[in-house]
Amino acid sequence: MAGLWLEEFKPGMVISHAITRTVTEADNFAFSTQTMNPQPLHIDRNFAAQSEWGKPLVNSLLTLGIMIGISVHETTLGTTVGNLGMTDVIFPAPVFHGDSLRVETEVISARASKSRAGQGIVELIHRAYKQDGTLVASCRRSALMRARPAQEAN
């Protein structure tokens, strides 16, 4: 499914994304090492076993990336100009290897740009939940979106 045009984002709209994703140990190790994050809570099973968690934690930035990535197909695929920012990022519960994530996106606002013809700003809140329904991540995201091209508006 292609992303939504600016005009298709309606405040209050909630999209429950169909794609889910199980996070693996390989995902966590590869992401942590590729992003130069040597935190032993993510990459050292023995160290993590002695922590309060008793096992490795999934890197929170991987959780954030998966959360936003899952949303792309039904929100911004091919219709975004780019991200403008992310705020209010929280991780209220841990994610561990083998947890499966599902995501929902709430549209907060959508408006035409004052300085860029044919584009506008959409504010979204993404929320990720693991398999038992626990909220594990949330963020507010602003994206610069393309308006529907004139030839497609008819």
C-alpha atoms as a PDB file:
ATOM      1  CA  MET A   1       0.000   0.000   0.000  1.00  0.00           C
ATOM      2  CA  ALA A   2       1.330   3.435  -0.889  1.00  0.00           C
ATOM      3  CA  GLY A   3       1.646   6.114   1.759  1.00  0.00           C
ATOM      4  CA  LEU A   4      -0.998   8.741   2.319  1.00  0.00           C
ATOM      5  CA  TRP A   5      -1.028  12.145   0.676  1.00  0.00           C
ATOM      6  CA  LEU A   6      -1.180  15.175   2.949  1.00  0.00           C
ATOM      7  CA  GLU A   7      -4.933  15.543   2.359  1.00  0.00           C
ATOM      8  CA  GLU A   8      -5.611  11.971   3.494  1.00  0.00           C
ATOM      9  CA  PHE A   9      -4.282  12.503   7.030  1.00  0.00           C
ATOM     10  CA  LYS A  10      -7.219  13.388   9.291  1.00  0.00           C
ATOM     11  CA  PRO A  11      -6.693  14.416  12.934  1.00  0.00           C
ATOM     12  CA  GLY A  12      -7.972  11.687  15.239  1.00  0.00           C
ATOM     13  CA  MET A  13      -7.398   8.957  12.657  1.00  0.00           C
ATOM     14  CA  VAL A  14      -5.783   5.850  14.189  1.00  0.00           C
ATOM     15  CA  ILE A  15      -4.055   3.302  11.981  1.00  0.00           C
ATOM     16  CA  SER A  16      -3.455  -0.170  13.427  1.00  0.00           C
ATOM     17  CA  HIS A  17      -0.613  -1.425  11.264  1.00  0.00           C
ATOM     18  CA  ALA A  18      -0.943  -4.928   9.868  1.00  0.00           C
ATOM     19  CA  ILE A  19       2.774  -5.766   9.943  1.00  0.00           C
ATOM     20  CA  THR A  20       4.202  -7.142  13.197  1.00  0.00           C
ATOM     21  CA  ARG A  21       7.839  -7.947  13.931  1.00  0.00           C
ATOM     22  CA  THR A  22       9.599 -10.320  16.301  1.00  0.00           C
ATOM     23  CA  VAL A  23      12.922  -8.880  17.472  1.00  0.00           C
ATOM     24  CA  THR A  24      15.745 -11.407  17.421  1.00  0.00           C
ATOM     25  CA  GLU A  25      19.089 -11.593  19.184  1.00  0.00           C
ATOM     26  CA  ALA A  26      20.775 -11.204  15.796  1.00  0.00           C
ATOM     27  CA  ASP A  27      18.793  -8.006  15.118  1.00  0.00           C
ATOM     28  CA  ASN A  28      19.827  -6.533  18.464  1.00  0.00           C
ATOM     29  CA  PHE A  29      23.496  -7.510  18.188  1.00  0.00           C
ATOM     30  CA  ALA A  30      23.826  -6.307  14.580  1.00  0.00           C
ATOM     31  CA  PHE A  31      22.071  -3.000  15.230  1.00  0.00           C
ATOM     32  CA  SER A  32      24.061  -2.283  18.381  1.00  0.00           C
ATOM     33  CA  THR A  33      27.412  -3.026  16.769  1.00  0.00           C
ATOM     34  CA  GLN A  34      26.611  -1.262  13.472  1.00  0.00           C
ATOM     35  CA  THR A  35      25.653   1.890  15.384  1.00  0.00           C
ATOM     36  CA  MET A  36      28.834   1.700  17.494  1.00  0.00           C
ATOM     37  CA  ASN A  37      26.917   1.120  20.728  1.00  0.00           C
ATOM     38  CA  PRO A  38      29.062  -1.136  22.963  1.00  0.00           C
ATOM     39  CA  GLN A  39      26.544  -1.180  25.839  1.00  0.00           C
ATOM     40  CA  PRO A  40      26.971  -4.662  27.388  1.00  0.00           C
ATOM     41  CA  LEU A  41      23.280  -4.726  28.368  1.00  0.00           C
ATOM     42  CA  HIS A  42      22.621  -5.222  24.620  1.00  0.00           C
ATOM     43  CA  ILE A  43      25.546  -7.319  23.410  1.00  0.00           C
ATOM     44  CA  ASP A  44      26.963  -9.303  26.362  1.00  0.00           C
ATOM     45  CA  ARG A  45      24.690 -12.111  27.562  1.00  0.00           C
ATOM     46  CA  ASN A  46      26.797 -12.783  30.688  1.00  0.00           C
ATOM     47  CA  PHE A  47      26.860  -9.110  31.713  1.00  0.00           C
ATOM     48  CA  ALA A  48      23.116  -8.743  31.091  1.00  0.00           C
ATOM     49  CA  ALA A  49      22.383 -11.918  33.086  1.00  0.00           C
ATOM     50  CA  GLN A  50      23.813 -10.179  36.150  1.00  0.00           C
ATOM     51  CA  SER A  51      21.703  -7.042  35.633  1.00  0.00           C
ATOM     52  CA  GLU A  52      18.258  -6.420  37.085  1.00  0.00           C
ATOM     53  CA  TRP A  53      16.811  -7.680  33.782  1.00  0.00           C
ATOM     54  CA  GLY A  54      18.583 -11.040  33.881  1.00  0.00           C
ATOM     55  CA  LYS A  55      18.961 -11.087  30.102  1.00  0.00           C
ATOM     56  CA  PRO A  56      19.934  -8.761  27.237  1.00  0.00           C
ATOM     57  CA  LEU A  57      17.753  -5.727  26.566  1.00  0.00           C
ATOM     58  CA  VAL A  58      16.867  -4.798  23.007  1.00  0.00           C
ATOM     59  CA  ASN A  59      18.544  -1.514  22.105  1.00  0.00           C
ATOM     60  CA  SER A  60      15.893   1.209  22.501  1.00  0.00           C
ATOM     61  CA  LEU A  61      16.908   2.881  19.249  1.00  0.00           C
ATOM     62  CA  LEU A  62      16.243  -0.394  17.436  1.00  0.00           C
ATOM     63  CA  THR A  63      12.797  -0.465  19.049  1.00  0.00           C
ATOM     64  CA  LEU A  64      12.224   3.125  17.879  1.00  0.00           C
ATOM     65  CA  GLY A  65      13.371   2.269  14.356  1.00  0.00           C
ATOM     66  CA  ILE A  66      11.157  -0.803  14.121  1.00  0.00           C
ATOM     67  CA  MET A  67       8.181   1.162  15.448  1.00  0.00           C
ATOM     68  CA  ILE A  68       8.515   3.874  12.825  1.00  0.00           C
ATOM     69  CA  GLY A  69       9.496   1.401  10.125  1.00  0.00           C
ATOM     70  CA  ILE A  70       6.348  -0.664  10.642  1.00  0.00           C
ATOM     71  CA  SER A  71       4.283   2.509  10.149  1.00  0.00           C
ATOM     72  CA  VAL A  72       5.842   3.502   6.817  1.00  0.00           C
ATOM     73  CA  HIS A  73       3.805   1.289   4.451  1.00  0.00           C
ATOM     74  CA  GLU A  74       0.497   2.739   5.573  1.00  0.00           C
ATOM     75  CA  THR A  75       1.547   6.333   6.236  1.00  0.00           C
ATOM     76  CA  THR A  76       4.543   7.773   4.381  1.00  0.00           C
ATOM     77  CA  LEU A  77       5.739   5.255   1.749  1.00  0.00           C
ATOM     78  CA  GLY A  78       6.555   7.323  -1.331  1.00  0.00           C
ATOM     79  CA  THR A  79       4.680  10.401  -0.111  1.00  0.00           C
ATOM     80  CA  THR A  80       7.078  11.916   2.405  1.00  0.00           C
ATOM     81  CA  VAL A  81       9.692  14.550   1.743  1.00  0.00           C
ATOM     82  CA  GLY A  82      11.393  13.788   5.054  1.00  0.00           C
ATOM     83  CA  ASN A  83      11.183  13.682   8.818  1.00  0.00           C
ATOM     84  CA  LEU A  84      11.254  17.042  10.577  1.00  0.00           C
ATOM     85  CA  GLY A  85      11.692  15.732  14.087  1.00  0.00           C
ATOM     86  CA  MET A  86      10.736  13.343  16.838  1.00  0.00           C
ATOM     87  CA  THR A  87       9.857  14.398  20.360  1.00  0.00           C
ATOM     88  CA  ASP A  88       8.337  12.893  23.485  1.00  0.00           C
ATOM     89  CA  VAL A  89      10.155   9.597  22.877  1.00  0.00           C
ATOM     90  CA  ILE A  90       9.538   7.176  25.735  1.00  0.00           C
ATOM     91  CA  PHE A  91      10.308   3.527  26.443  1.00  0.00           C
ATOM     92  CA  PRO A  92       8.016   2.639  29.382  1.00  0.00           C
ATOM     93  CA  ALA A  93       8.783  -1.108  29.341  1.00  0.00           C
ATOM     94  CA  PRO A  94      11.709  -3.206  28.130  1.00  0.00           C
ATOM     95  CA  VAL A  95      11.860  -5.260  24.944  1.00  0.00           C
ATOM     96  CA  PHE A  96      13.705  -8.601  24.986  1.00  0.00           C
ATOM     97  CA  HIS A  97      14.799 -11.049  22.302  1.00  0.00           C
ATOM     98  CA  GLY A  98      11.717 -12.909  21.061  1.00  0.00           C
ATOM     99  CA  ASP A  99       9.225 -10.131  21.786  1.00  0.00           C
ATOM    100  CA  SER A 100       6.875  -9.352  18.909  1.00  0.00           C
ATOM    101  CA  LEU A 101       5.952  -5.735  18.269  1.00  0.00           C
ATOM    102  CA  ARG A 102       2.757  -4.292  16.835  1.00  0.00           C
ATOM    103  CA  VAL A 103       2.284  -0.602  16.126  1.00  0.00           C
ATOM    104  CA  GLU A 104      -0.473   1.954  15.881  1.00  0.00           C
ATOM    105  CA  THR A 105      -0.253   5.507  14.596  1.00  0.00           C
ATOM    106  CA  GLU A 106      -2.507   8.382  15.614  1.00  0.00           C
ATOM    107  CA  VAL A 107      -2.760  11.472  13.424  1.00  0.00           C
ATOM    108  CA  ILE A 108      -2.543  14.586  15.603  1.00  0.00           C
ATOM    109  CA  SER A 109      -2.570  17.282  12.947  1.00  0.00           C
ATOM    110  CA  ALA A 110      -2.089  17.948   9.238  1.00  0.00           C
ATOM    111  CA  ARG A 111      -1.664  21.314   7.571  1.00  0.00           C
ATOM    112  CA  ALA A 112      -0.415  22.831   4.353  1.00  0.00           C
ATOM    113  CA  SER A 113       3.057  24.336   4.466  1.00  0.00           C
ATOM    114  CA  LYS A 114       3.219  28.128   4.501  1.00  0.00           C
ATOM    115  CA  SER A 115       6.535  28.154   2.624  1.00  0.00           C
ATOM    116  CA  ARG A 116       6.476  25.050   0.409  1.00  0.00           C
ATOM    117  CA  ALA A 117       3.784  24.749  -2.240  1.00  0.00           C
ATOM    118  CA  GLY A 118       2.379  21.246  -2.627  1.00  0.00           C
ATOM    119  CA  GLN A 119       3.651  20.100   0.755  1.00  0.00           C
ATOM    120  CA  GLY A 120       2.538  20.125   4.357  1.00  0.00           C
ATOM    121  CA  ILE A 121       3.347  19.048   7.889  1.00  0.00           C
ATOM    122  CA  VAL A 122       1.772  16.042   9.555  1.00  0.00           C
ATOM    123  CA  GLU A 123       2.165  15.293  13.256  1.00  0.00           C
ATOM    124  CA  LEU A 124       1.829  11.649  14.276  1.00  0.00           C
ATOM    125  CA  ILE A 125       2.087   9.679  17.482  1.00  0.00           C
ATOM    126  CA  HIS A 126       3.456   6.184  17.029  1.00  0.00           C
ATOM    127  CA  ARG A 127       2.946   3.573  19.751  1.00  0.00           C
ATOM    128  CA  ALA A 128       4.535   0.119  19.906  1.00  0.00           C
ATOM    129  CA  TYR A 129       3.182  -2.743  22.003  1.00  0.00           C
ATOM    130  CA  LYS A 130       4.619  -6.164  22.630  1.00  0.00           C
ATOM    131  CA  GLN A 131       2.640  -9.387  22.351  1.00  0.00           C
ATOM    132  CA  ASP A 132       1.014  -9.098  25.783  1.00  0.00           C
ATOM    133  CA  GLY A 133      -0.286  -5.586  25.054  1.00  0.00           C
ATOM    134  CA  THR A 134       2.377  -3.745  27.085  1.00  0.00           C
ATOM    135  CA  LEU A 135       3.287  -0.325  25.678  1.00  0.00           C
ATOM    136  CA  VAL A 136       7.040  -0.430  25.023  1.00  0.00           C
ATOM    137  CA  ALA A 137       7.626   2.749  22.994  1.00  0.00           C
ATOM    138  CA  SER A 138       5.952   5.947  21.889  1.00  0.00           C
ATOM    139  CA  CYS A 139       7.035   9.065  20.047  1.00  0.00           C
ATOM    140  CA  ARG A 140       5.583  12.154  18.452  1.00  0.00           C
ATOM    141  CA  ARG A 141       6.847  12.589  14.886  1.00  0.00           C
ATOM    142  CA  SER A 142       6.593  15.513  12.479  1.00  0.00           C
ATOM    143  CA  ALA A 143       6.930  14.738   8.788  1.00  0.00           C
ATOM    144  CA  LEU A 144       6.992  16.941   5.722  1.00  0.00           C
ATOM    145  CA  MET A 145       4.523  15.318   3.332  1.00  0.00           C
ATOM    146  CA  ARG A 146       3.653  15.743  -0.316  1.00  0.00           C
ATOM    147  CA  ALA A 147       0.170  16.917  -1.247  1.00  0.00           C
ATOM    148  CA  ARG A 148      -1.655  14.923  -3.889  1.00  0.00           C
ATOM    149  CA  PRO A 149      -0.331  15.907  -7.338  1.00  0.00           C
ATOM    150  CA  ALA A 150      -2.819  17.980  -9.359  1.00  0.00           C
ATOM    151  CA  GLN A 151      -3.135  15.321 -12.091  1.00  0.00           C
ATOM    152  CA  GLU A 152      -4.200  12.745  -9.458  1.00  0.00           C
ATOM    153  CA  ALA A 153      -6.659  15.040  -7.686  1.00  0.00           C
ATOM    154  CA  ASN A 154      -9.267  14.671 -10.457  1.00  0.00           C
END
